[in-house]
Amino acid sequence: MSTTMLQPSSLAFLSQLKANNNREWFASQKKAFETEQKQVKSFFMSVGELLGKTDSIERIQVFRIYRDVRFSKDKSPYKYHFSVGFTRTKPLLRGGYYLHIEPGGSFVGGGFWEPNAADLQRIRKEFEMDDAEIRAIIADATFKKYFGELKGEELKTAPKGYDKMHPAIDLIRKKQYLVTRQFSDKEVLAPNFQEEVLATFQAMRPFFDYMSDVLSTDLNGESLYN
């Protein structure tokens, strides 16, 4: 049976892990970790099952607790959060959903984290040509309620080949196109948290569907996948 609520013990374990981020402590708490991991994964899979009823999801990735420290100055061996990603079915559907559970830092996010060079160029060209539709989406009351504004890393100036005075330069210079909604620990443990996660994902859909249309067509609006 799928878990439809998260438990205080999961947040407590993550808090303890943050304070004791070493292999010795983790080994001594391996059974507790496995119990919490199983419970949280069940919650994630339940979210994925319900999300799949309203969108086409090709992949659910529950991220590992172990950090890749090979190229990091921070050698802490473990993450102190649980997280999962849900990828829409490519090539026609674009955008990814993300759920992050961390004491004091939980959030739901989504969008385009690392668009490849071709996709990023296609998005920028669309905004250069006509930014009216994306402006309407991010100005919509539902979008504002859930996400506030479009987020993501951006260049300090215009990308090469673009006019730095272009009216859409604030969008064109972005390298990521992301939305996020924060949740308190109390909200994460509430009985309706799963519903709020799914409602937040649903609020992303106009943005996702617009970007999917952009990335599956050329600048003339002709499909790339006929």
C-alpha atoms as a PDB file:
ATOM      1  CA  MET A   1       0.000   0.000   0.000  1.00  0.00           C
ATOM      2  CA  SER A   2       1.373   3.403  -0.982  1.00  0.00           C
ATOM      3  CA  THR A   3       2.220   5.929   1.690  1.00  0.00           C
ATOM      4  CA  THR A   4       0.137   9.092   1.339  1.00  0.00           C
ATOM      5  CA  MET A   5       1.675  11.009   4.250  1.00  0.00           C
ATOM      6  CA  LEU A   6       5.201  11.745   5.369  1.00  0.00           C
ATOM      7  CA  GLN A   7       6.149  11.061   8.974  1.00  0.00           C
ATOM      8  CA  PRO A   8       7.965  13.210  11.577  1.00  0.00           C
ATOM      9  CA  SER A   9      10.541  10.430  11.954  1.00  0.00           C
ATOM     10  CA  SER A  10      11.755  11.052   8.388  1.00  0.00           C
ATOM     11  CA  LEU A  11      12.511  14.711   9.065  1.00  0.00           C
ATOM     12  CA  ALA A  12      14.061  13.789  12.413  1.00  0.00           C
ATOM     13  CA  PHE A  13      16.389  11.291  10.749  1.00  0.00           C
ATOM     14  CA  LEU A  14      17.500  13.893   8.193  1.00  0.00           C
ATOM     15  CA  SER A  15      18.195  16.412  10.970  1.00  0.00           C
ATOM     16  CA  GLN A  16      20.317  13.843  12.787  1.00  0.00           C
ATOM     17  CA  LEU A  17      22.143  12.989   9.573  1.00  0.00           C
ATOM     18  CA  LYS A  18      22.977  16.641   8.967  1.00  0.00           C
ATOM     19  CA  ALA A  19      24.489  16.847  12.454  1.00  0.00           C
ATOM     20  CA  ASN A  20      26.362  13.537  12.052  1.00  0.00           C
ATOM     21  CA  ASN A  21      27.351  13.460   8.406  1.00  0.00           C
ATOM     22  CA  ASN A  22      29.964  10.726   8.593  1.00  0.00           C
ATOM     23  CA  ARG A  23      30.178   7.079   7.606  1.00  0.00           C
ATOM     24  CA  GLU A  24      30.508   5.752  11.148  1.00  0.00           C
ATOM     25  CA  TRP A  25      27.272   7.325  12.345  1.00  0.00           C
ATOM     26  CA  PHE A  26      25.432   6.364   9.176  1.00  0.00           C
ATOM     27  CA  ALA A  27      26.540   2.744   9.496  1.00  0.00           C
ATOM     28  CA  SER A  28      25.222   2.651  13.056  1.00  0.00           C
ATOM     29  CA  GLN A  29      21.871   4.027  11.844  1.00  0.00           C
ATOM     30  CA  LYS A  30      21.570   1.957   8.660  1.00  0.00           C
ATOM     31  CA  LYS A  31      18.357   0.228   9.745  1.00  0.00           C
ATOM     32  CA  ALA A  32      16.727   3.549  10.658  1.00  0.00           C
ATOM     33  CA  PHE A  33      17.786   4.958   7.285  1.00  0.00           C
ATOM     34  CA  GLU A  34      16.325   1.988   5.417  1.00  0.00           C
ATOM     35  CA  THR A  35      13.033   2.353   7.290  1.00  0.00           C
ATOM     36  CA  GLU A  36      12.746   6.070   6.478  1.00  0.00           C
ATOM     37  CA  GLN A  37      13.930   5.612   2.912  1.00  0.00           C
ATOM     38  CA  LYS A  38      11.287   2.946   2.296  1.00  0.00           C
ATOM     39  CA  GLN A  39       8.562   5.137   3.747  1.00  0.00           C
ATOM     40  CA  VAL A  40       9.560   8.238   1.791  1.00  0.00           C
ATOM     41  CA  LYS A  41      10.023   6.282  -1.437  1.00  0.00           C
ATOM     42  CA  SER A  42       6.514   4.898  -1.038  1.00  0.00           C
ATOM     43  CA  PHE A  43       5.235   8.469  -0.713  1.00  0.00           C
ATOM     44  CA  PHE A  44       7.180   9.505  -3.817  1.00  0.00           C
ATOM     45  CA  MET A  45       5.812   6.585  -5.847  1.00  0.00           C
ATOM     46  CA  SER A  46       2.281   7.425  -4.730  1.00  0.00           C
ATOM     47  CA  VAL A  47       2.792  10.989  -5.970  1.00  0.00           C
ATOM     48  CA  GLY A  48       4.132   9.614  -9.253  1.00  0.00           C
ATOM     49  CA  GLU A  49       1.166   7.290  -9.693  1.00  0.00           C
ATOM     50  CA  LEU A  50      -1.292  10.140  -9.212  1.00  0.00           C
ATOM     51  CA  LEU A  51       0.716  12.517 -11.393  1.00  0.00           C
ATOM     52  CA  GLY A  52       0.635   9.904 -14.145  1.00  0.00           C
ATOM     53  CA  LYS A  53      -3.140  10.184 -14.254  1.00  0.00           C
ATOM     54  CA  THR A  54      -2.947  13.792 -15.454  1.00  0.00           C
ATOM     55  CA  ASP A  55       0.357  13.830 -17.352  1.00  0.00           C
ATOM     56  CA  SER A  56       2.544  11.410 -19.300  1.00  0.00           C
ATOM     57  CA  ILE A  57       5.576  10.518 -17.193  1.00  0.00           C
ATOM     58  CA  GLU A  58       8.366   8.446 -18.746  1.00  0.00           C
ATOM     59  CA  ARG A  59      10.679   8.251 -15.752  1.00  0.00           C
ATOM     60  CA  ILE A  60      10.604   8.472 -11.965  1.00  0.00           C
ATOM     61  CA  GLN A  61      14.037   8.932 -10.407  1.00  0.00           C
ATOM     62  CA  VAL A  62      14.394   8.653  -6.651  1.00  0.00           C
ATOM     63  CA  PHE A  63      17.777  10.205  -5.941  1.00  0.00           C
ATOM     64  CA  ARG A  64      20.332   8.387  -3.796  1.00  0.00           C
ATOM     65  CA  ILE A  65      21.315   9.680  -0.362  1.00  0.00           C
ATOM     66  CA  TYR A  66      25.007   9.258  -1.197  1.00  0.00           C
ATOM     67  CA  ARG A  67      26.877  12.310  -2.486  1.00  0.00           C
ATOM     68  CA  ASP A  68      29.365  12.226  -5.357  1.00  0.00           C
ATOM     69  CA  VAL A  69      32.317  13.943  -3.687  1.00  0.00           C
ATOM     70  CA  ARG A  70      34.932  13.325  -6.399  1.00  0.00           C
ATOM     71  CA  PHE A  71      34.948  16.912  -7.659  1.00  0.00           C
ATOM     72  CA  SER A  72      33.592  18.687  -4.582  1.00  0.00           C
ATOM     73  CA  LYS A  73      35.426  20.571  -1.850  1.00  0.00           C
ATOM     74  CA  ASP A  74      32.683  19.426   0.519  1.00  0.00           C
ATOM     75  CA  LYS A  75      33.525  15.814   1.302  1.00  0.00           C
ATOM     76  CA  SER A  76      30.401  15.127   3.391  1.00  0.00           C
ATOM     77  CA  PRO A  77      29.388  11.655   2.248  1.00  0.00           C
ATOM     78  CA  TYR A  78      25.603  12.041   2.504  1.00  0.00           C
ATOM     79  CA  LYS A  79      22.859  14.374   1.421  1.00  0.00           C
ATOM     80  CA  TYR A  80      20.521  15.439   4.213  1.00  0.00           C
ATOM     81  CA  HIS A  81      17.419  15.449   2.075  1.00  0.00           C
ATOM     82  CA  PHE A  82      15.226  12.978   0.197  1.00  0.00           C
ATOM     83  CA  SER A  83      14.285  13.882  -3.370  1.00  0.00           C
ATOM     84  CA  VAL A  84      12.635  12.608  -6.514  1.00  0.00           C
ATOM     85  CA  GLY A  85      12.295  13.745 -10.119  1.00  0.00           C
ATOM     86  CA  PHE A  86       9.485  13.024 -12.580  1.00  0.00           C
ATOM     87  CA  THR A  87      10.359  13.388 -16.288  1.00  0.00           C
ATOM     88  CA  ARG A  88       7.658  14.007 -18.878  1.00  0.00           C
ATOM     89  CA  THR A  89       7.563  11.821 -21.980  1.00  0.00           C
ATOM     90  CA  LYS A  90       9.886  13.194 -24.645  1.00  0.00           C
ATOM     91  CA  PRO A  91      10.191  14.422 -27.312  1.00  0.00           C
ATOM     92  CA  LEU A  92       6.789  16.099 -27.396  1.00  0.00           C
ATOM     93  CA  LEU A  93       6.442  16.755 -23.669  1.00  0.00           C
ATOM     94  CA  ARG A  94       9.188  18.728 -21.965  1.00  0.00           C
ATOM     95  CA  GLY A  95       9.907  19.836 -18.420  1.00  0.00           C
ATOM     96  CA  GLY A  96      10.602  17.942 -15.229  1.00  0.00           C
ATOM     97  CA  TYR A  97       8.901  17.910 -11.832  1.00  0.00           C
ATOM     98  CA  TYR A  98      10.978  17.781  -8.643  1.00  0.00           C
ATOM     99  CA  LEU A  99      10.133  17.168  -4.976  1.00  0.00           C
ATOM    100  CA  HIS A 100      12.689  17.880  -2.240  1.00  0.00           C
ATOM    101  CA  ILE A 101      12.183  16.930   1.419  1.00  0.00           C
ATOM    102  CA  GLU A 102      14.555  18.575   3.880  1.00  0.00           C
ATOM    103  CA  PRO A 103      13.987  19.866   7.423  1.00  0.00           C
ATOM    104  CA  GLY A 104      13.459  23.598   7.089  1.00  0.00           C
ATOM    105  CA  GLY A 105      14.120  23.498   3.349  1.00  0.00           C
ATOM    106  CA  SER A 106      11.465  21.426   1.573  1.00  0.00           C
ATOM    107  CA  PHE A 107      10.193  22.573  -1.800  1.00  0.00           C
ATOM    108  CA  VAL A 108       8.473  21.558  -4.998  1.00  0.00           C
ATOM    109  CA  GLY A 109      10.173  22.661  -8.191  1.00  0.00           C
ATOM    110  CA  GLY A 110      10.169  22.149 -11.890  1.00  0.00           C
ATOM    111  CA  GLY A 111      11.217  23.412 -15.267  1.00  0.00           C
ATOM    112  CA  PHE A 112      14.360  23.330 -17.325  1.00  0.00           C
ATOM    113  CA  TRP A 113      17.434  22.914 -15.130  1.00  0.00           C
ATOM    114  CA  GLU A 114      20.162  22.295 -17.720  1.00  0.00           C
ATOM    115  CA  PRO A 115      18.717  22.764 -21.221  1.00  0.00           C
ATOM    116  CA  ASN A 116      21.163  21.639 -23.881  1.00  0.00           C
ATOM    117  CA  ALA A 117      22.661  24.255 -26.199  1.00  0.00           C
ATOM    118  CA  ALA A 118      20.167  23.639 -28.999  1.00  0.00           C
ATOM    119  CA  ASP A 119      17.133  23.845 -26.710  1.00  0.00           C
ATOM    120  CA  LEU A 120      18.434  26.961 -24.979  1.00  0.00           C
ATOM    121  CA  GLN A 121      19.008  28.650 -28.328  1.00  0.00           C
ATOM    122  CA  ARG A 122      15.521  27.685 -29.519  1.00  0.00           C
ATOM    123  CA  ILE A 123      13.943  29.122 -26.343  1.00  0.00           C
ATOM    124  CA  ARG A 124      15.900  32.353 -26.620  1.00  0.00           C
ATOM    125  CA  LYS A 125      15.010  32.761 -30.281  1.00  0.00           C
ATOM    126  CA  GLU A 126      11.324  32.289 -29.433  1.00  0.00           C
ATOM    127  CA  PHE A 127      11.467  34.979 -26.772  1.00  0.00           C
ATOM    128  CA  GLU A 128      13.384  37.268 -29.104  1.00  0.00           C
ATOM    129  CA  MET A 129      10.684  36.838 -31.744  1.00  0.00           C
ATOM    130  CA  ASP A 130       7.628  37.024 -29.467  1.00  0.00           C
ATOM    131  CA  ASP A 131       7.502  37.052 -25.669  1.00  0.00           C
ATOM    132  CA  ALA A 132       3.782  37.778 -25.332  1.00  0.00           C
ATOM    133  CA  GLU A 133       2.693  34.211 -24.544  1.00  0.00           C
ATOM    134  CA  ILE A 134       5.341  33.484 -21.920  1.00  0.00           C
ATOM    135  CA  ARG A 135       4.652  36.882 -20.325  1.00  0.00           C
ATOM    136  CA  ALA A 136       0.961  36.011 -20.048  1.00  0.00           C
ATOM    137  CA  ILE A 137       1.766  32.660 -18.447  1.00  0.00           C
ATOM    138  CA  ILE A 138       4.114  34.029 -15.780  1.00  0.00           C
ATOM    139  CA  ALA A 139       1.767  36.949 -15.067  1.00  0.00           C
ATOM    140  CA  ASP A 140      -1.235  34.640 -14.546  1.00  0.00           C
ATOM    141  CA  ALA A 141      -2.749  34.752 -11.053  1.00  0.00           C
ATOM    142  CA  THR A 142      -2.329  30.995 -10.475  1.00  0.00           C
ATOM    143  CA  PHE A 143       1.330  31.101 -11.506  1.00  0.00           C
ATOM    144  CA  LYS A 144       1.934  34.065  -9.217  1.00  0.00           C
ATOM    145  CA  LYS A 145       0.133  32.379  -6.317  1.00  0.00           C
ATOM    146  CA  TYR A 146       2.199  29.202  -6.487  1.00  0.00           C
ATOM    147  CA  PHE A 147       5.580  30.399  -7.733  1.00  0.00           C
ATOM    148  CA  GLY A 148       5.849  34.158  -7.576  1.00  0.00           C
ATOM    149  CA  GLU A 149       8.167  34.508 -10.527  1.00  0.00           C
ATOM    150  CA  LEU A 150      10.237  32.586 -13.041  1.00  0.00           C
ATOM    151  CA  LYS A 151      13.633  31.736 -11.554  1.00  0.00           C
ATOM    152  CA  GLY A 152      16.982  30.382 -12.715  1.00  0.00           C
ATOM    153  CA  GLU A 153      20.596  31.337 -13.269  1.00  0.00           C
ATOM    154  CA  GLU A 154      21.196  34.029 -15.859  1.00  0.00           C
ATOM    155  CA  LEU A 155      23.960  35.840 -17.661  1.00  0.00           C
ATOM    156  CA  LYS A 156      24.895  39.329 -16.508  1.00  0.00           C
ATOM    157  CA  THR A 157      24.499  40.637 -20.034  1.00  0.00           C
ATOM    158  CA  ALA A 158      23.043  39.549 -23.357  1.00  0.00           C
ATOM    159  CA  PRO A 159      24.095  36.204 -24.874  1.00  0.00           C
ATOM    160  CA  LYS A 160      26.245  36.483 -27.977  1.00  0.00           C
ATOM    161  CA  GLY A 161      24.174  37.528 -30.961  1.00  0.00           C
ATOM    162  CA  TYR A 162      21.368  39.165 -28.968  1.00  0.00           C
ATOM    163  CA  ASP A 163      20.618  42.848 -28.460  1.00  0.00           C
ATOM    164  CA  LYS A 164      21.182  43.788 -24.821  1.00  0.00           C
ATOM    165  CA  MET A 165      18.409  46.379 -25.177  1.00  0.00           C
ATOM    166  CA  HIS A 166      15.834  43.863 -26.441  1.00  0.00           C
ATOM    167  CA  PRO A 167      12.540  44.127 -24.466  1.00  0.00           C
ATOM    168  CA  ALA A 168      12.761  40.412 -23.609  1.00  0.00           C
ATOM    169  CA  ILE A 169      16.408  40.429 -22.572  1.00  0.00           C
ATOM    170  CA  ASP A 170      15.442  39.532 -18.983  1.00  0.00           C
ATOM    171  CA  LEU A 171      14.154  36.218 -20.334  1.00  0.00           C
ATOM    172  CA  ILE A 172      16.738  35.759 -23.083  1.00  0.00           C
ATOM    173  CA  ARG A 173      19.716  35.978 -20.747  1.00  0.00           C
ATOM    174  CA  LYS A 174      18.465  33.175 -18.514  1.00  0.00           C
ATOM    175  CA  LYS A 175      20.342  29.871 -18.599  1.00  0.00           C
ATOM    176  CA  GLN A 176      17.636  28.052 -16.623  1.00  0.00           C
ATOM    177  CA  TYR A 177      13.859  28.384 -16.533  1.00  0.00           C
ATOM    178  CA  LEU A 178      12.626  27.212 -13.139  1.00  0.00           C
ATOM    179  CA  VAL A 179       9.701  27.506 -10.757  1.00  0.00           C
ATOM    180  CA  THR A 180       9.721  26.666  -7.040  1.00  0.00           C
ATOM    181  CA  ARG A 181       7.342  26.630  -4.087  1.00  0.00           C
ATOM    182  CA  GLN A 182       8.631  26.343  -0.531  1.00  0.00           C
ATOM    183  CA  PHE A 183       6.961  24.290   2.220  1.00  0.00           C
ATOM    184  CA  SER A 184       7.405  24.465   5.987  1.00  0.00           C
ATOM    185  CA  ASP A 185       7.954  21.292   8.022  1.00  0.00           C
ATOM    186  CA  LYS A 186       4.402  21.641   9.342  1.00  0.00           C
ATOM    187  CA  GLU A 187       3.041  21.737   5.787  1.00  0.00           C
ATOM    188  CA  VAL A 188       5.167  18.748   4.762  1.00  0.00           C
ATOM    189  CA  LEU A 189       3.738  16.636   7.591  1.00  0.00           C
ATOM    190  CA  ALA A 190       0.131  17.756   7.066  1.00  0.00           C
ATOM    191  CA  PRO A 191      -2.422  15.211   5.789  1.00  0.00           C
ATOM    192  CA  ASN A 192      -3.004  17.272   2.620  1.00  0.00           C
ATOM    193  CA  PHE A 193       0.658  17.638   1.616  1.00  0.00           C
ATOM    194  CA  GLN A 194       0.377  15.134  -1.216  1.00  0.00           C
ATOM    195  CA  GLU A 195      -2.589  17.073  -2.602  1.00  0.00           C
ATOM    196  CA  GLU A 196      -0.611  20.311  -2.385  1.00  0.00           C
ATOM    197  CA  VAL A 197       2.332  18.740  -4.224  1.00  0.00           C
ATOM    198  CA  LEU A 198       0.062  17.574  -7.030  1.00  0.00           C
ATOM    199  CA  ALA A 199      -1.729  20.930  -7.193  1.00  0.00           C
ATOM    200  CA  THR A 200       1.653  22.635  -7.463  1.00  0.00           C
ATOM    201  CA  PHE A 201       2.682  20.323 -10.275  1.00  0.00           C
ATOM    202  CA  GLN A 202      -0.610  21.042 -12.014  1.00  0.00           C
ATOM    203  CA  ALA A 203       0.056  24.786 -11.758  1.00  0.00           C
ATOM    204  CA  MET A 204       3.255  24.233 -13.772  1.00  0.00           C
ATOM    205  CA  ARG A 205       1.419  22.730 -16.720  1.00  0.00           C
ATOM    206  CA  PRO A 206       0.652  25.884 -18.758  1.00  0.00           C
ATOM    207  CA  PHE A 207       4.354  26.784 -18.551  1.00  0.00           C
ATOM    208  CA  PHE A 208       5.446  23.243 -19.423  1.00  0.00           C
ATOM    209  CA  ASP A 209       2.982  22.904 -22.283  1.00  0.00           C
ATOM    210  CA  TYR A 210       4.038  26.216 -23.810  1.00  0.00           C
ATOM    211  CA  MET A 211       7.735  25.317 -23.575  1.00  0.00           C
ATOM    212  CA  SER A 212       6.987  21.869 -25.001  1.00  0.00           C
ATOM    213  CA  ASP A 213       5.330  23.508 -27.997  1.00  0.00           C
ATOM    214  CA  VAL A 214       8.358  25.768 -28.487  1.00  0.00           C
ATOM    215  CA  LEU A 215      10.864  22.911 -28.236  1.00  0.00           C
ATOM    216  CA  SER A 216       8.964  20.589 -30.563  1.00  0.00           C
ATOM    217  CA  THR A 217       8.570  23.129 -33.391  1.00  0.00           C
ATOM    218  CA  ASP A 218      10.793  25.341 -35.516  1.00  0.00           C
ATOM    219  CA  LEU A 219      10.588  29.132 -35.606  1.00  0.00           C
ATOM    220  CA  ASN A 220       7.810  28.885 -38.216  1.00  0.00           C
ATOM    221  CA  GLY A 221       5.733  26.788 -35.842  1.00  0.00           C
ATOM    222  CA  GLU A 222       6.202  23.611 -37.882  1.00  0.00           C
ATOM    223  CA  SER A 223       6.495  20.363 -35.931  1.00  0.00           C
ATOM    224  CA  LEU A 224       9.927  18.780 -35.738  1.00  0.00           C
ATOM    225  CA  TYR A 225       8.433  15.333 -35.166  1.00  0.00           C
ATOM    226  CA  ASN A 226       5.918  14.716 -37.948  1.00  0.00           C
END
